[in-house]
Amino acid sequence: MSNAGNWAPIGRLDDIPRRGARCVNSALGRIAVFRTMDDKVFATEDRCPHKGGPLSQGIVHGGSVTCPLHSQVIALDTGVVQGPDEGRVRTFPVRVDADGGLEILIEAEAFQQAAE
């Protein structure tokens, strides 16, 4: 697989509560990793396109998150704002391995350079 080296480990599925999120830092900024009620995992930048609200603190429902500041609903799979406004957040491919480990497809250097 040509992208095998770009999958960076970021924790475990069990680290994220159902309908919740946790964040990881990268050189690209803060990334929110969400877990839905049915254990699907999504990753987006942790910044609402409207006023920069922390999406990781929003309410996860179905395949969406509602921004805690201004109630914008954002689709977790595409990053597209569903309402009441327009916009988009960057999304990142994320996967769960057979042992429950989480990996994100992003430049590995972005995580190595991140300051905690």
N, C-alpha and C. Protein backbone atom coordinates (compact mmCIF):
# COMPACT_ATOMS: atom_id res chain seq x y z
N MET A 1 0.85 -1.18 0.00
CA MET A 1 0.00 0.00 0.00
C MET A 1 0.89 1.24 0.00
N SER A 2 0.68 2.15 -0.92
CA SER A 2 1.55 3.31 -1.06
C SER A 2 1.44 4.29 0.11
N ASN A 3 0.32 4.34 0.80
CA ASN A 3 0.15 5.27 1.92
C ASN A 3 0.44 4.64 3.27
N ALA A 4 1.00 3.42 3.28
CA ALA A 4 1.19 2.71 4.54
C ALA A 4 2.00 3.53 5.54
N GLY A 5 3.00 4.26 5.07
CA GLY A 5 3.83 5.04 5.97
C GLY A 5 3.16 6.28 6.51
N ASN A 6 2.03 6.67 5.94
CA ASN A 6 1.36 7.89 6.36
C ASN A 6 0.30 7.66 7.43
N TRP A 7 0.04 6.42 7.80
CA TRP A 7 -0.93 6.15 8.86
C TRP A 7 -0.22 6.30 10.21
N ALA A 8 -0.63 7.28 10.98
CA ALA A 8 0.00 7.56 12.28
C ALA A 8 -0.92 7.08 13.41
N PRO A 9 -0.38 6.35 14.39
CA PRO A 9 -1.18 5.92 15.53
C PRO A 9 -1.56 7.11 16.41
N ILE A 10 -2.83 7.12 16.87
CA ILE A 10 -3.30 8.26 17.67
C ILE A 10 -4.04 7.83 18.94
N GLY A 11 -4.00 6.56 19.28
CA GLY A 11 -4.68 6.11 20.49
C GLY A 11 -5.50 4.87 20.22
N ARG A 12 -6.51 4.68 21.05
CA ARG A 12 -7.36 3.50 20.95
C ARG A 12 -8.83 3.91 20.88
N LEU A 13 -9.62 3.07 20.24
CA LEU A 13 -11.05 3.34 20.13
C LEU A 13 -11.67 3.52 21.52
N ASP A 14 -11.26 2.70 22.47
CA ASP A 14 -11.81 2.78 23.83
C ASP A 14 -11.47 4.07 24.56
N ASP A 15 -10.50 4.85 24.02
CA ASP A 15 -10.16 6.14 24.62
C ASP A 15 -11.24 7.20 24.37
N ILE A 16 -12.10 6.94 23.40
CA ILE A 16 -13.13 7.91 23.03
C ILE A 16 -14.49 7.36 23.44
N PRO A 17 -15.23 8.09 24.25
CA PRO A 17 -16.58 7.61 24.61
C PRO A 17 -17.51 7.63 23.41
N ARG A 18 -18.47 6.73 23.39
CA ARG A 18 -19.47 6.78 22.32
C ARG A 18 -20.16 8.14 22.35
N ARG A 19 -20.38 8.69 21.16
CA ARG A 19 -20.96 10.02 20.98
C ARG A 19 -20.08 11.10 21.61
N GLY A 20 -18.76 10.85 21.57
CA GLY A 20 -17.82 11.80 22.13
C GLY A 20 -16.63 12.02 21.21
N ALA A 21 -15.64 12.74 21.72
CA ALA A 21 -14.46 13.07 20.93
C ALA A 21 -13.24 13.20 21.83
N ARG A 22 -12.09 13.11 21.23
CA ARG A 22 -10.83 13.48 21.86
C ARG A 22 -10.02 14.19 20.81
N CYS A 23 -8.99 14.90 21.21
CA CYS A 23 -8.18 15.67 20.26
C CYS A 23 -6.75 15.17 20.22
N VAL A 24 -6.16 15.34 19.06
CA VAL A 24 -4.73 15.10 18.88
C VAL A 24 -4.15 16.36 18.26
N ASN A 25 -2.90 16.64 18.61
CA ASN A 25 -2.24 17.82 18.06
C ASN A 25 -1.32 17.40 16.93
N SER A 26 -1.27 18.23 15.91
CA SER A 26 -0.37 17.99 14.79
C SER A 26 0.17 19.34 14.34
N ALA A 27 1.15 19.31 13.46
CA ALA A 27 1.68 20.55 12.90
C ALA A 27 0.61 21.25 12.06
N LEU A 28 -0.42 20.52 11.67
CA LEU A 28 -1.53 21.10 10.90
C LEU A 28 -2.58 21.72 11.82
N GLY A 29 -2.40 21.59 13.11
CA GLY A 29 -3.37 22.11 14.07
C GLY A 29 -4.03 20.99 14.85
N ARG A 30 -5.00 21.35 15.64
CA ARG A 30 -5.73 20.40 16.48
C ARG A 30 -6.73 19.63 15.63
N ILE A 31 -6.73 18.31 15.81
CA ILE A 31 -7.64 17.44 15.08
C ILE A 31 -8.56 16.76 16.09
N ALA A 32 -9.87 16.83 15.85
CA ALA A 32 -10.86 16.17 16.70
C ALA A 32 -11.17 14.80 16.10
N VAL A 33 -11.13 13.78 16.95
CA VAL A 33 -11.46 12.41 16.52
C VAL A 33 -12.75 12.02 17.23
N PHE A 34 -13.78 11.74 16.46
CA PHE A 34 -15.12 11.48 16.97
C PHE A 34 -15.46 10.00 16.89
N ARG A 35 -16.27 9.53 17.84
CA ARG A 35 -16.80 8.17 17.83
C ARG A 35 -18.32 8.26 17.92
N THR A 36 -18.99 7.63 16.97
CA THR A 36 -20.45 7.66 16.97
C THR A 36 -20.98 6.54 17.88
N MET A 37 -22.27 6.54 18.08
CA MET A 37 -22.91 5.53 18.93
C MET A 37 -22.67 4.12 18.39
N ASP A 38 -22.57 3.99 17.05
CA ASP A 38 -22.35 2.67 16.46
C ASP A 38 -20.87 2.41 16.13
N ASP A 39 -19.97 3.10 16.84
CA ASP A 39 -18.53 2.88 16.79
C ASP A 39 -17.86 3.26 15.47
N LYS A 40 -18.47 4.11 14.68
CA LYS A 40 -17.78 4.66 13.52
C LYS A 40 -16.90 5.79 14.02
N VAL A 41 -15.75 5.96 13.38
CA VAL A 41 -14.78 6.96 13.82
C VAL A 41 -14.50 7.92 12.67
N PHE A 42 -14.46 9.21 13.00
CA PHE A 42 -14.22 10.26 12.03
C PHE A 42 -13.22 11.26 12.62
N ALA A 43 -12.49 11.95 11.76
CA ALA A 43 -11.55 12.97 12.22
C ALA A 43 -11.72 14.23 11.38
N THR A 44 -11.82 15.37 12.07
CA THR A 44 -11.93 16.67 11.41
C THR A 44 -11.02 17.65 12.14
N GLU A 45 -10.77 18.77 11.49
CA GLU A 45 -10.08 19.82 12.23
C GLU A 45 -11.01 20.23 13.38
N ASP A 46 -10.43 20.66 14.48
CA ASP A 46 -11.22 20.96 15.68
C ASP A 46 -11.62 22.44 15.71
N ARG A 47 -12.19 22.90 14.60
CA ARG A 47 -12.50 24.33 14.50
C ARG A 47 -13.69 24.51 13.58
N CYS A 48 -14.75 25.02 14.12
CA CYS A 48 -15.94 25.31 13.33
C CYS A 48 -15.62 26.42 12.32
N PRO A 49 -16.10 26.31 11.08
CA PRO A 49 -15.79 27.34 10.09
C PRO A 49 -16.50 28.66 10.33
N HIS A 50 -17.50 28.69 11.21
CA HIS A 50 -18.27 29.91 11.47
C HIS A 50 -17.52 30.87 12.37
N LYS A 51 -17.26 30.45 13.61
CA LYS A 51 -16.58 31.32 14.58
C LYS A 51 -15.40 30.63 15.25
N GLY A 52 -14.98 29.49 14.72
CA GLY A 52 -13.80 28.81 15.27
C GLY A 52 -14.07 28.02 16.53
N GLY A 53 -15.32 27.70 16.80
CA GLY A 53 -15.66 26.95 18.00
C GLY A 53 -15.02 25.57 18.02
N PRO A 54 -14.75 25.02 19.20
CA PRO A 54 -14.12 23.70 19.34
C PRO A 54 -15.12 22.57 19.07
N LEU A 55 -15.06 21.98 17.89
CA LEU A 55 -16.00 20.93 17.53
C LEU A 55 -15.92 19.73 18.47
N SER A 56 -14.75 19.49 19.04
CA SER A 56 -14.58 18.35 19.95
C SER A 56 -15.45 18.49 21.19
N GLN A 57 -15.93 19.68 21.48
CA GLN A 57 -16.81 19.89 22.62
C GLN A 57 -18.28 19.92 22.22
N GLY A 58 -18.55 19.63 20.95
CA GLY A 58 -19.92 19.64 20.45
C GLY A 58 -20.65 18.35 20.76
N ILE A 59 -21.90 18.30 20.34
CA ILE A 59 -22.75 17.13 20.56
C ILE A 59 -22.72 16.27 19.31
N VAL A 60 -22.32 14.99 19.49
CA VAL A 60 -22.29 14.03 18.38
C VAL A 60 -23.66 13.36 18.31
N HIS A 61 -24.26 13.38 17.14
CA HIS A 61 -25.57 12.75 16.93
C HIS A 61 -25.58 12.16 15.53
N GLY A 62 -25.87 10.86 15.45
CA GLY A 62 -25.81 10.19 14.16
C GLY A 62 -24.42 10.33 13.58
N GLY A 63 -24.33 10.82 12.36
CA GLY A 63 -23.04 11.04 11.71
C GLY A 63 -22.65 12.49 11.66
N SER A 64 -23.12 13.28 12.63
CA SER A 64 -22.86 14.72 12.64
C SER A 64 -22.41 15.18 14.03
N VAL A 65 -21.89 16.41 14.06
CA VAL A 65 -21.57 17.07 15.32
C VAL A 65 -22.17 18.47 15.26
N THR A 66 -22.70 18.93 16.38
CA THR A 66 -23.24 20.28 16.48
C THR A 66 -22.24 21.14 17.24
N CYS A 67 -21.83 22.23 16.64
CA CYS A 67 -20.87 23.14 17.27
C CYS A 67 -21.45 23.66 18.58
N PRO A 68 -20.64 23.70 19.64
CA PRO A 68 -21.15 24.16 20.94
C PRO A 68 -21.38 25.67 21.01
N LEU A 69 -20.84 26.44 20.08
CA LEU A 69 -20.99 27.89 20.16
C LEU A 69 -22.22 28.42 19.44
N HIS A 70 -22.46 27.97 18.22
CA HIS A 70 -23.53 28.57 17.42
C HIS A 70 -24.42 27.54 16.74
N SER A 71 -24.40 26.31 17.20
CA SER A 71 -25.31 25.25 16.75
C SER A 71 -25.21 24.89 15.27
N GLN A 72 -24.06 25.12 14.65
CA GLN A 72 -23.89 24.65 13.28
C GLN A 72 -23.76 23.13 13.31
N VAL A 73 -24.45 22.46 12.40
CA VAL A 73 -24.39 21.00 12.30
C VAL A 73 -23.44 20.65 11.16
N ILE A 74 -22.45 19.82 11.45
CA ILE A 74 -21.42 19.47 10.48
C ILE A 74 -21.40 17.97 10.29
N ALA A 75 -21.45 17.52 9.03
CA ALA A 75 -21.37 16.10 8.71
C ALA A 75 -19.95 15.61 8.98
N LEU A 76 -19.81 14.56 9.78
CA LEU A 76 -18.49 14.08 10.14
C LEU A 76 -17.75 13.41 8.98
N ASP A 77 -18.48 12.83 8.04
CA ASP A 77 -17.80 12.14 6.94
C ASP A 77 -17.28 13.09 5.86
N THR A 78 -17.96 14.21 5.64
CA THR A 78 -17.55 15.13 4.58
C THR A 78 -17.02 16.46 5.10
N GLY A 79 -17.37 16.81 6.33
CA GLY A 79 -16.99 18.10 6.89
C GLY A 79 -17.87 19.25 6.44
N VAL A 80 -18.93 18.95 5.69
CA VAL A 80 -19.81 19.99 5.16
C VAL A 80 -20.81 20.43 6.23
N VAL A 81 -20.96 21.74 6.37
CA VAL A 81 -21.93 22.31 7.30
C VAL A 81 -23.33 22.03 6.76
N GLN A 82 -24.18 21.45 7.61
CA GLN A 82 -25.55 21.11 7.23
C GLN A 82 -26.53 22.24 7.54
N GLY A 83 -26.18 23.12 8.42
CA GLY A 83 -27.05 24.24 8.76
C GLY A 83 -26.71 24.76 10.14
N PRO A 84 -27.12 25.92 10.47
CA PRO A 84 -27.96 26.83 9.72
C PRO A 84 -27.18 27.70 8.74
N ASP A 85 -25.88 27.47 8.55
CA ASP A 85 -25.05 28.30 7.69
C ASP A 85 -24.39 27.41 6.64
N GLU A 86 -23.38 27.90 5.97
CA GLU A 86 -22.64 27.13 4.99
C GLU A 86 -21.17 27.09 5.38
N GLY A 87 -20.44 26.14 4.81
CA GLY A 87 -19.01 26.04 5.07
C GLY A 87 -18.57 24.60 5.09
N ARG A 88 -17.31 24.41 5.43
CA ARG A 88 -16.73 23.07 5.45
C ARG A 88 -15.50 23.07 6.36
N VAL A 89 -15.28 21.95 7.03
CA VAL A 89 -14.06 21.74 7.79
C VAL A 89 -13.26 20.64 7.11
N ARG A 90 -11.97 20.66 7.31
CA ARG A 90 -11.10 19.63 6.74
C ARG A 90 -11.34 18.32 7.47
N THR A 91 -11.38 17.23 6.72
CA THR A 91 -11.52 15.90 7.31
C THR A 91 -10.27 15.09 7.03
N PHE A 92 -10.05 14.06 7.84
CA PHE A 92 -8.89 13.19 7.70
C PHE A 92 -9.34 11.74 7.77
N PRO A 93 -8.83 10.88 6.88
CA PRO A 93 -9.16 9.45 6.99
C PRO A 93 -8.65 8.89 8.31
N VAL A 94 -9.47 8.09 8.95
CA VAL A 94 -9.10 7.46 10.21
C VAL A 94 -9.59 6.02 10.16
N ARG A 95 -8.86 5.12 10.79
CA ARG A 95 -9.25 3.71 10.79
C ARG A 95 -8.97 3.08 12.15
N VAL A 96 -9.66 1.98 12.38
CA VAL A 96 -9.49 1.21 13.61
C VAL A 96 -8.85 -0.12 13.19
N ASP A 97 -7.71 -0.47 13.81
CA ASP A 97 -7.09 -1.73 13.46
C ASP A 97 -7.75 -2.88 14.21
N ALA A 98 -7.32 -4.09 13.96
CA ALA A 98 -7.94 -5.29 14.53
C ALA A 98 -7.87 -5.32 16.05
N ASP A 99 -6.90 -4.62 16.64
CA ASP A 99 -6.75 -4.60 18.10
C ASP A 99 -7.39 -3.39 18.75
N GLY A 100 -8.14 -2.59 17.98
CA GLY A 100 -8.79 -1.42 18.54
C GLY A 100 -7.94 -0.17 18.53
N GLY A 101 -6.79 -0.21 17.90
CA GLY A 101 -5.94 0.97 17.80
C GLY A 101 -6.46 1.90 16.72
N LEU A 102 -6.33 3.20 16.95
CA LEU A 102 -6.75 4.21 15.98
C LEU A 102 -5.54 4.73 15.22
N GLU A 103 -5.73 4.91 13.92
CA GLU A 103 -4.69 5.48 13.08
C GLU A 103 -5.33 6.53 12.18
N ILE A 104 -4.57 7.58 11.91
CA ILE A 104 -5.05 8.65 11.04
C ILE A 104 -4.11 8.77 9.86
N LEU A 105 -4.67 9.03 8.69
CA LEU A 105 -3.87 9.21 7.49
C LEU A 105 -3.52 10.67 7.34
N ILE A 106 -2.29 10.97 7.68
CA ILE A 106 -1.79 12.34 7.63
C ILE A 106 -0.27 12.21 7.59
N GLU A 107 0.37 13.24 7.18
CA GLU A 107 1.82 13.19 7.16
C GLU A 107 2.34 12.90 8.56
N ALA A 108 3.09 11.82 8.70
CA ALA A 108 3.61 11.44 10.02
C ALA A 108 4.44 12.56 10.63
N GLU A 109 5.13 13.33 9.79
CA GLU A 109 5.95 14.43 10.28
C GLU A 109 5.10 15.48 11.00
N ALA A 110 3.85 15.63 10.59
CA ALA A 110 2.97 16.62 11.22
C ALA A 110 2.77 16.29 12.69
N PHE A 111 2.74 15.00 13.05
CA PHE A 111 2.59 14.62 14.45
C PHE A 111 3.91 14.68 15.19
N GLN A 112 5.00 14.35 14.51
CA GLN A 112 6.30 14.39 15.16
C GLN A 112 6.73 15.82 15.49
N GLN A 113 6.26 16.78 14.69
CA GLN A 113 6.63 18.17 14.90
C GLN A 113 5.70 18.88 15.89
N ALA A 114 4.60 18.27 16.21
CA ALA A 114 3.62 18.95 17.06
C ALA A 114 4.15 19.11 18.48
N ALA A 115 3.93 20.25 19.02
CA ALA A 115 4.31 20.50 20.41
C ALA A 115 3.11 20.23 21.29
N GLU A 116 3.30 19.44 22.31
CA GLU A 116 2.21 19.12 23.25
C GLU A 116 2.12 20.22 24.29
